[in-house]
N, C-alpha and C. Protein backbone atom coordinates (compact mmCIF):
# COMPACT_ATOMS: atom_id res chain seq x y z
N UNK A 1 -18.26 -64.93 78.96
CA UNK A 1 -17.46 -63.76 78.88
C UNK A 1 -18.39 -62.57 78.91
N UNK A 2 -18.00 -61.74 79.77
CA UNK A 2 -18.79 -60.53 79.94
C UNK A 2 -18.09 -59.39 79.21
N UNK A 3 -18.84 -58.72 78.54
CA UNK A 3 -18.25 -57.57 77.82
C UNK A 3 -19.03 -56.33 78.19
N UNK A 4 -18.30 -55.38 78.28
CA UNK A 4 -18.90 -54.08 78.56
C UNK A 4 -19.07 -53.38 77.21
N UNK A 5 -20.25 -52.95 76.94
CA UNK A 5 -20.51 -52.34 75.64
C UNK A 5 -19.82 -51.00 75.50
N UNK A 6 -19.47 -50.43 76.63
CA UNK A 6 -18.78 -49.16 76.53
C UNK A 6 -17.38 -49.35 75.99
N UNK A 7 -16.83 -50.52 76.26
CA UNK A 7 -15.48 -50.78 75.79
C UNK A 7 -15.45 -51.76 74.64
N UNK A 8 -16.50 -52.01 74.03
CA UNK A 8 -16.53 -52.96 72.91
C UNK A 8 -16.14 -52.20 71.64
N UNK A 9 -14.91 -52.33 71.26
CA UNK A 9 -14.40 -51.63 70.08
C UNK A 9 -14.81 -52.29 68.79
N UNK A 10 -15.28 -53.44 68.86
CA UNK A 10 -15.70 -54.13 67.63
C UNK A 10 -16.91 -53.44 67.02
N UNK A 11 -17.62 -52.71 67.85
CA UNK A 11 -18.77 -51.98 67.31
C UNK A 11 -18.31 -50.81 66.43
N UNK A 12 -17.11 -50.30 66.73
CA UNK A 12 -16.62 -49.15 65.98
C UNK A 12 -15.82 -49.53 64.74
N UNK A 13 -15.47 -50.76 64.64
CA UNK A 13 -14.73 -51.20 63.46
C UNK A 13 -15.66 -51.26 62.27
N UNK A 14 -15.08 -50.93 61.16
CA UNK A 14 -15.90 -50.99 59.96
C UNK A 14 -16.01 -52.42 59.51
N UNK A 15 -17.19 -52.75 59.30
CA UNK A 15 -17.41 -54.10 58.85
C UNK A 15 -17.43 -54.09 57.33
N UNK A 16 -16.75 -55.04 56.81
CA UNK A 16 -16.68 -55.11 55.35
C UNK A 16 -17.90 -55.85 54.86
N UNK A 17 -18.62 -55.09 54.09
CA UNK A 17 -19.80 -55.71 53.51
C UNK A 17 -19.50 -56.02 52.07
N UNK A 18 -19.93 -57.11 51.65
CA UNK A 18 -19.74 -57.48 50.27
C UNK A 18 -20.86 -56.82 49.47
N UNK A 19 -20.44 -56.10 48.42
CA UNK A 19 -21.49 -55.47 47.62
C UNK A 19 -22.23 -56.54 46.83
N UNK A 20 -23.44 -56.29 46.73
CA UNK A 20 -24.24 -57.22 45.95
C UNK A 20 -24.21 -56.78 44.50
N UNK A 21 -23.83 -57.65 43.68
CA UNK A 21 -23.76 -57.36 42.25
C UNK A 21 -25.06 -57.81 41.62
N UNK A 22 -25.52 -56.94 40.78
CA UNK A 22 -26.70 -57.34 40.05
C UNK A 22 -26.59 -56.81 38.63
N UNK A 23 -27.08 -57.50 37.74
CA UNK A 23 -27.01 -57.16 36.32
C UNK A 23 -28.34 -56.57 35.91
N UNK A 24 -28.20 -55.37 35.33
CA UNK A 24 -29.42 -54.75 34.84
C UNK A 24 -29.39 -54.80 33.33
N UNK A 25 -30.45 -55.02 32.83
CA UNK A 25 -30.56 -55.03 31.37
C UNK A 25 -31.13 -53.70 30.94
N UNK A 26 -30.52 -53.18 29.89
CA UNK A 26 -30.99 -51.91 29.39
C UNK A 26 -32.20 -52.13 28.51
N UNK A 27 -33.05 -51.21 28.69
CA UNK A 27 -34.24 -51.29 27.84
C UNK A 27 -33.93 -50.55 26.54
N UNK A 28 -34.82 -50.59 25.61
CA UNK A 28 -34.62 -49.94 24.32
C UNK A 28 -34.47 -48.45 24.46
N UNK A 29 -35.23 -47.85 25.38
CA UNK A 29 -35.17 -46.43 25.59
C UNK A 29 -33.82 -46.03 26.18
N UNK A 30 -33.30 -46.80 27.09
CA UNK A 30 -32.01 -46.49 27.71
C UNK A 30 -30.88 -46.64 26.69
N UNK A 31 -31.02 -47.61 25.80
CA UNK A 31 -29.99 -47.78 24.76
C UNK A 31 -29.98 -46.55 23.84
N UNK A 32 -31.14 -46.05 23.52
CA UNK A 32 -31.24 -44.89 22.64
C UNK A 32 -30.64 -43.67 23.34
N UNK A 33 -30.94 -43.50 24.65
CA UNK A 33 -30.38 -42.38 25.40
C UNK A 33 -28.85 -42.47 25.44
N UNK A 34 -28.31 -43.65 25.66
CA UNK A 34 -26.84 -43.82 25.69
C UNK A 34 -26.25 -43.50 24.33
N UNK A 35 -26.92 -43.90 23.26
CA UNK A 35 -26.44 -43.59 21.91
C UNK A 35 -26.46 -42.09 21.65
N UNK A 36 -27.52 -41.42 22.12
CA UNK A 36 -27.59 -39.97 21.97
C UNK A 36 -26.49 -39.27 22.75
N UNK A 37 -26.15 -39.80 23.91
CA UNK A 37 -25.06 -39.21 24.69
C UNK A 37 -23.76 -39.28 23.91
N UNK A 38 -23.49 -40.43 23.31
CA UNK A 38 -22.27 -40.57 22.51
C UNK A 38 -22.32 -39.64 21.29
N UNK A 39 -23.48 -39.55 20.70
CA UNK A 39 -23.62 -38.67 19.54
C UNK A 39 -23.39 -37.21 19.94
N UNK A 40 -23.90 -36.80 21.10
CA UNK A 40 -23.68 -35.43 21.57
C UNK A 40 -22.21 -35.18 21.85
N UNK A 41 -21.54 -36.13 22.46
CA UNK A 41 -20.12 -35.98 22.75
C UNK A 41 -19.32 -35.87 21.45
N UNK A 42 -19.62 -36.71 20.49
CA UNK A 42 -18.92 -36.68 19.21
C UNK A 42 -19.22 -35.37 18.47
N UNK A 43 -20.47 -34.93 18.49
CA UNK A 43 -20.84 -33.68 17.82
C UNK A 43 -20.15 -32.50 18.48
N UNK A 44 -20.10 -32.48 19.80
CA UNK A 44 -19.42 -31.40 20.51
C UNK A 44 -17.93 -31.41 20.18
N UNK A 45 -17.32 -32.57 20.17
CA UNK A 45 -15.89 -32.67 19.85
C UNK A 45 -15.63 -32.20 18.42
N UNK A 46 -16.51 -32.59 17.48
CA UNK A 46 -16.34 -32.16 16.09
C UNK A 46 -16.50 -30.65 15.96
N UNK A 47 -17.49 -30.09 16.63
CA UNK A 47 -17.72 -28.65 16.59
C UNK A 47 -16.54 -27.90 17.20
N UNK A 48 -16.05 -28.38 18.33
CA UNK A 48 -14.90 -27.75 18.97
C UNK A 48 -13.67 -27.81 18.07
N UNK A 49 -13.44 -28.96 17.46
CA UNK A 49 -12.31 -29.12 16.55
C UNK A 49 -12.45 -28.19 15.33
N UNK A 50 -13.67 -28.08 14.81
CA UNK A 50 -13.90 -27.18 13.66
C UNK A 50 -13.63 -25.73 14.05
N UNK A 51 -14.04 -25.32 15.24
CA UNK A 51 -13.78 -23.96 15.69
C UNK A 51 -12.28 -23.70 15.86
N UNK A 52 -11.57 -24.65 16.44
CA UNK A 52 -10.13 -24.48 16.63
C UNK A 52 -9.43 -24.38 15.27
N UNK A 53 -9.81 -25.25 14.33
CA UNK A 53 -9.19 -25.23 13.00
C UNK A 53 -9.51 -23.91 12.29
N UNK A 54 -10.74 -23.42 12.40
CA UNK A 54 -11.09 -22.16 11.73
C UNK A 54 -10.34 -20.99 12.33
N UNK A 55 -10.14 -20.97 13.63
CA UNK A 55 -9.37 -19.89 14.26
C UNK A 55 -7.91 -19.94 13.80
N UNK A 56 -7.34 -21.13 13.76
CA UNK A 56 -5.96 -21.27 13.30
C UNK A 56 -5.82 -20.86 11.83
N UNK A 57 -6.77 -21.25 11.01
CA UNK A 57 -6.74 -20.90 9.59
C UNK A 57 -6.85 -19.39 9.41
N UNK A 58 -7.72 -18.76 10.18
CA UNK A 58 -7.86 -17.30 10.06
C UNK A 58 -6.58 -16.59 10.51
N UNK A 59 -5.90 -17.12 11.52
CA UNK A 59 -4.64 -16.54 11.96
C UNK A 59 -3.57 -16.67 10.87
N UNK A 60 -3.54 -17.82 10.21
CA UNK A 60 -2.58 -18.03 9.13
C UNK A 60 -2.85 -17.05 8.00
N UNK A 61 -4.12 -16.91 7.62
CA UNK A 61 -4.49 -15.98 6.55
C UNK A 61 -4.12 -14.54 6.93
N UNK A 62 -4.39 -14.17 8.15
CA UNK A 62 -4.07 -12.82 8.62
C UNK A 62 -2.56 -12.57 8.57
N UNK A 63 -1.77 -13.54 8.97
CA UNK A 63 -0.32 -13.40 8.94
C UNK A 63 0.18 -13.27 7.51
N UNK A 64 -0.36 -14.09 6.61
CA UNK A 64 0.06 -14.02 5.20
C UNK A 64 -0.31 -12.68 4.59
N UNK A 65 -1.51 -12.19 4.86
CA UNK A 65 -1.94 -10.91 4.31
C UNK A 65 -1.12 -9.75 4.88
N UNK A 66 -0.77 -9.83 6.15
CA UNK A 66 0.06 -8.79 6.75
C UNK A 66 1.45 -8.76 6.10
N UNK A 67 2.01 -9.93 5.88
CA UNK A 67 3.32 -10.00 5.23
C UNK A 67 3.25 -9.47 3.80
N UNK A 68 2.20 -9.83 3.07
CA UNK A 68 2.04 -9.33 1.71
C UNK A 68 1.85 -7.81 1.71
N UNK A 69 1.09 -7.30 2.66
CA UNK A 69 0.87 -5.86 2.75
C UNK A 69 2.19 -5.13 3.04
N UNK A 70 3.01 -5.70 3.94
CA UNK A 70 4.31 -5.09 4.23
C UNK A 70 5.21 -5.08 3.00
N UNK A 71 5.20 -6.18 2.24
CA UNK A 71 6.01 -6.24 1.02
C UNK A 71 5.56 -5.18 0.02
N UNK A 72 4.24 -5.04 -0.15
CA UNK A 72 3.72 -4.06 -1.10
C UNK A 72 4.00 -2.63 -0.64
N UNK A 73 3.94 -2.38 0.67
CA UNK A 73 4.27 -1.05 1.17
C UNK A 73 5.74 -0.73 0.96
N UNK A 74 6.61 -1.71 1.16
CA UNK A 74 8.03 -1.50 0.89
C UNK A 74 8.27 -1.20 -0.59
N UNK A 75 7.58 -1.95 -1.44
CA UNK A 75 7.71 -1.73 -2.89
C UNK A 75 7.20 -0.34 -3.25
N UNK A 76 6.08 0.08 -2.67
CA UNK A 76 5.54 1.41 -2.92
C UNK A 76 6.52 2.49 -2.47
N UNK A 77 7.12 2.32 -1.31
CA UNK A 77 8.10 3.29 -0.82
C UNK A 77 9.30 3.37 -1.76
N UNK A 78 9.75 2.22 -2.27
CA UNK A 78 10.86 2.22 -3.22
C UNK A 78 10.49 2.97 -4.49
N UNK A 79 9.28 2.73 -4.99
CA UNK A 79 8.85 3.41 -6.21
C UNK A 79 8.69 4.92 -5.98
N UNK A 80 8.16 5.30 -4.82
CA UNK A 80 8.03 6.73 -4.52
C UNK A 80 9.41 7.39 -4.41
N UNK A 81 10.35 6.69 -3.81
CA UNK A 81 11.71 7.23 -3.70
C UNK A 81 12.33 7.39 -5.08
N UNK A 82 12.14 6.38 -5.93
CA UNK A 82 12.67 6.47 -7.29
C UNK A 82 12.00 7.61 -8.07
N UNK A 83 10.69 7.78 -7.89
CA UNK A 83 9.97 8.86 -8.56
C UNK A 83 10.51 10.22 -8.12
N UNK A 84 10.73 10.38 -6.82
CA UNK A 84 11.27 11.63 -6.30
C UNK A 84 12.65 11.90 -6.87
N UNK A 85 13.49 10.86 -6.91
CA UNK A 85 14.83 11.00 -7.46
C UNK A 85 14.78 11.42 -8.93
N UNK A 86 13.95 10.72 -9.71
CA UNK A 86 13.86 11.04 -11.14
C UNK A 86 13.28 12.43 -11.38
N UNK A 87 12.30 12.84 -10.58
CA UNK A 87 11.73 14.18 -10.71
C UNK A 87 12.78 15.24 -10.43
N UNK A 88 13.54 15.06 -9.38
CA UNK A 88 14.61 16.01 -9.06
C UNK A 88 15.68 16.03 -10.13
N UNK A 89 16.01 14.87 -10.65
CA UNK A 89 17.00 14.78 -11.72
C UNK A 89 16.52 15.51 -12.97
N UNK A 90 15.24 15.33 -13.31
CA UNK A 90 14.68 16.00 -14.48
C UNK A 90 14.66 17.51 -14.27
N UNK A 91 14.25 17.96 -13.09
CA UNK A 91 14.24 19.39 -12.81
C UNK A 91 15.64 19.97 -12.87
N UNK A 92 16.59 19.21 -12.38
CA UNK A 92 17.96 19.70 -12.40
C UNK A 92 18.48 19.82 -13.83
N UNK A 93 18.14 18.85 -14.66
CA UNK A 93 18.63 18.87 -16.04
C UNK A 93 17.92 19.92 -16.89
N UNK A 94 16.67 20.17 -16.59
CA UNK A 94 15.94 21.15 -17.39
C UNK A 94 15.93 22.54 -16.75
N UNK A 95 16.59 22.71 -15.67
CA UNK A 95 16.68 24.01 -15.02
C UNK A 95 17.41 24.96 -15.97
N UNK A 96 16.90 26.17 -16.11
CA UNK A 96 17.44 27.13 -17.06
C UNK A 96 18.89 27.47 -16.76
N UNK A 97 19.22 27.61 -15.51
CA UNK A 97 20.61 27.94 -15.17
C UNK A 97 21.54 26.78 -15.52
N UNK A 98 21.05 25.55 -15.33
CA UNK A 98 21.87 24.40 -15.68
C UNK A 98 22.07 24.33 -17.19
N UNK A 99 21.03 24.65 -17.96
CA UNK A 99 21.14 24.66 -19.42
C UNK A 99 22.12 25.75 -19.86
N UNK A 100 22.01 26.92 -19.25
CA UNK A 100 22.93 28.00 -19.60
C UNK A 100 24.36 27.65 -19.24
N UNK A 101 24.53 27.01 -18.10
CA UNK A 101 25.87 26.60 -17.68
C UNK A 101 26.44 25.56 -18.64
N UNK A 102 25.61 24.61 -19.05
CA UNK A 102 26.05 23.59 -20.01
C UNK A 102 26.43 24.25 -21.33
N UNK A 103 25.59 25.20 -21.80
CA UNK A 103 25.87 25.87 -23.06
C UNK A 103 27.17 26.66 -22.98
N UNK A 104 27.39 27.31 -21.86
CA UNK A 104 28.59 28.13 -21.73
C UNK A 104 29.85 27.30 -21.55
N UNK A 105 29.79 26.25 -20.70
CA UNK A 105 30.99 25.49 -20.38
C UNK A 105 31.30 24.40 -21.40
N UNK A 106 30.29 23.66 -21.82
CA UNK A 106 30.54 22.53 -22.70
C UNK A 106 30.54 22.96 -24.16
N UNK A 107 29.53 23.73 -24.57
CA UNK A 107 29.40 24.13 -25.97
C UNK A 107 30.13 25.43 -26.29
N UNK A 108 30.69 26.07 -25.28
CA UNK A 108 31.46 27.31 -25.43
C UNK A 108 30.63 28.40 -26.10
N UNK A 109 29.37 28.50 -25.71
CA UNK A 109 28.49 29.53 -26.25
C UNK A 109 28.50 30.72 -25.29
N UNK A 110 28.17 31.90 -25.83
CA UNK A 110 28.07 33.08 -24.99
C UNK A 110 26.69 33.68 -25.20
N UNK A 111 26.27 34.52 -24.24
CA UNK A 111 24.98 35.17 -24.36
C UNK A 111 25.02 36.19 -25.49
N UNK A 112 23.86 36.31 -26.18
CA UNK A 112 23.79 37.22 -27.30
C UNK A 112 23.65 38.65 -26.78
N UNK A 113 24.35 39.54 -27.44
CA UNK A 113 24.29 40.95 -27.11
C UNK A 113 23.22 41.60 -27.99
N UNK A 114 22.59 42.65 -27.50
CA UNK A 114 21.53 43.32 -28.26
C UNK A 114 22.06 43.93 -29.57
N UNK A 115 23.29 44.24 -29.57
CA UNK A 115 23.83 44.84 -30.79
C UNK A 115 23.99 43.80 -31.90
N UNK A 116 23.92 42.52 -31.55
CA UNK A 116 24.06 41.47 -32.56
C UNK A 116 22.74 41.14 -33.25
N UNK A 117 21.63 41.71 -32.81
CA UNK A 117 20.32 41.41 -33.38
C UNK A 117 20.18 42.14 -34.71
N UNK A 118 19.77 41.43 -35.74
CA UNK A 118 19.56 41.99 -37.07
C UNK A 118 18.14 41.69 -37.48
N UNK A 119 17.42 42.71 -37.88
CA UNK A 119 16.05 42.52 -38.34
C UNK A 119 16.04 42.61 -39.85
N UNK A 120 15.33 41.72 -40.48
CA UNK A 120 15.25 41.71 -41.93
C UNK A 120 13.85 42.10 -42.32
N UNK A 121 13.71 43.12 -43.18
CA UNK A 121 12.41 43.56 -43.66
C UNK A 121 12.38 43.30 -45.15
N UNK A 122 11.37 42.58 -45.59
CA UNK A 122 11.26 42.27 -47.01
C UNK A 122 10.34 43.29 -47.65
N UNK A 123 10.87 44.05 -48.57
CA UNK A 123 10.08 45.01 -49.32
C UNK A 123 10.09 44.56 -50.78
N UNK A 124 9.84 45.47 -51.65
CA UNK A 124 9.86 45.09 -53.06
C UNK A 124 11.28 44.80 -53.49
N UNK A 125 12.21 45.42 -52.88
CA UNK A 125 13.60 45.15 -53.19
C UNK A 125 14.12 44.13 -52.18
N UNK A 126 15.05 43.36 -52.59
CA UNK A 126 15.69 42.44 -51.68
C UNK A 126 16.86 43.15 -51.02
N UNK A 127 16.60 43.67 -49.86
CA UNK A 127 17.65 44.39 -49.17
C UNK A 127 17.59 44.06 -47.69
N UNK A 128 18.69 44.18 -47.05
CA UNK A 128 18.80 43.91 -45.62
C UNK A 128 19.13 45.23 -44.94
N UNK A 129 18.33 45.55 -43.94
CA UNK A 129 18.59 46.76 -43.19
C UNK A 129 18.94 46.38 -41.76
N UNK A 130 19.92 47.00 -41.28
CA UNK A 130 20.31 46.75 -39.89
C UNK A 130 19.93 47.97 -39.09
N UNK A 131 19.16 47.68 -38.02
CA UNK A 131 18.70 48.81 -37.22
C UNK A 131 19.85 49.30 -36.37
N UNK A 132 19.89 50.59 -36.26
CA UNK A 132 21.01 51.16 -35.53
C UNK A 132 20.65 51.55 -34.13
N UNK A 133 19.82 52.56 -33.96
CA UNK A 133 19.56 53.08 -32.63
C UNK A 133 18.22 52.64 -32.10
N UNK A 134 17.88 53.14 -30.94
CA UNK A 134 16.66 52.77 -30.27
C UNK A 134 15.42 53.32 -30.94
N UNK A 135 15.50 54.55 -31.46
CA UNK A 135 14.36 55.16 -32.11
C UNK A 135 14.03 54.48 -33.43
N UNK A 136 15.05 54.14 -34.18
CA UNK A 136 14.82 53.43 -35.44
C UNK A 136 14.23 52.04 -35.18
N UNK A 137 14.73 51.38 -34.17
CA UNK A 137 14.22 50.04 -33.81
C UNK A 137 12.76 50.13 -33.40
N UNK A 138 12.39 51.15 -32.65
CA UNK A 138 11.01 51.33 -32.21
C UNK A 138 10.09 51.59 -33.40
N UNK A 139 10.50 52.44 -34.32
CA UNK A 139 9.67 52.71 -35.50
C UNK A 139 9.55 51.48 -36.39
N UNK A 140 10.62 50.71 -36.51
CA UNK A 140 10.56 49.46 -37.30
C UNK A 140 9.60 48.47 -36.66
N UNK A 141 9.65 48.36 -35.35
CA UNK A 141 8.74 47.43 -34.65
C UNK A 141 7.29 47.85 -34.82
N UNK A 142 7.03 49.16 -34.71
CA UNK A 142 5.65 49.65 -34.90
C UNK A 142 5.18 49.43 -36.33
N UNK A 143 6.05 49.68 -37.29
CA UNK A 143 5.70 49.46 -38.70
C UNK A 143 5.41 47.99 -38.95
N UNK A 144 6.24 47.16 -38.45
CA UNK A 144 6.07 45.71 -38.62
C UNK A 144 4.78 45.22 -37.95
N UNK A 145 4.47 45.74 -36.77
CA UNK A 145 3.25 45.36 -36.05
C UNK A 145 2.02 45.81 -36.80
N UNK A 146 2.04 47.02 -37.32
CA UNK A 146 0.89 47.54 -38.08
C UNK A 146 0.70 46.75 -39.36
N UNK A 147 1.79 46.42 -40.03
CA UNK A 147 1.69 45.64 -41.27
C UNK A 147 1.09 44.28 -40.99
N UNK A 148 1.48 43.62 -39.91
CA UNK A 148 0.92 42.33 -39.57
C UNK A 148 -0.56 42.44 -39.23
N UNK A 149 -0.92 43.50 -38.54
CA UNK A 149 -2.30 43.68 -38.15
C UNK A 149 -3.19 43.91 -39.39
N UNK A 150 -2.70 44.70 -40.34
CA UNK A 150 -3.46 44.96 -41.58
C UNK A 150 -3.59 43.68 -42.39
N UNK A 151 -2.56 42.88 -42.44
CA UNK A 151 -2.62 41.59 -43.15
C UNK A 151 -3.64 40.66 -42.49
N UNK A 152 -3.73 40.74 -41.18
CA UNK A 152 -4.68 39.89 -40.44
C UNK A 152 -6.11 40.29 -40.74
N UNK A 153 -6.34 41.59 -40.89
CA UNK A 153 -7.69 42.08 -41.14
C UNK A 153 -8.15 41.83 -42.57
N UNK A 154 -7.26 41.83 -43.53
CA UNK A 154 -7.65 41.63 -44.92
C UNK A 154 -8.05 40.18 -45.14
N UNK A 155 -9.19 39.97 -45.86
CA UNK A 155 -9.64 38.59 -46.10
C UNK A 155 -8.86 37.86 -47.16
């Protein structure tokens, strides 16, 4: 049989070669290198896991602290609001016009008139003098002021 090599397709077919199997024995050095590879992989995995856990833990702590801070800020705002309310309430109750209004409406008091003022001067006699006019009142005030001043100076 004559074959033309130009048309011989068997040359282009892949021939299946059987792989040759051979067993290699590891030396002591190769065993140590393989053990170190496993140790590196385990160490890397442990380090990576530790980093992931620490990031998650820090996120949890941050969230808890943020929530606590919000609660404390709300509590502070409530206390400031209560303080403002109580301050305004105190000012309102101690306001002079409110006191006068309470005295006039509830206690039925009226404002004192200048003619109702009575000055008492203690002399050697037990007597009560009621000042009448403006000039007498002025002289009584000056006399009383001078008497107090003289008493202050005497030891």
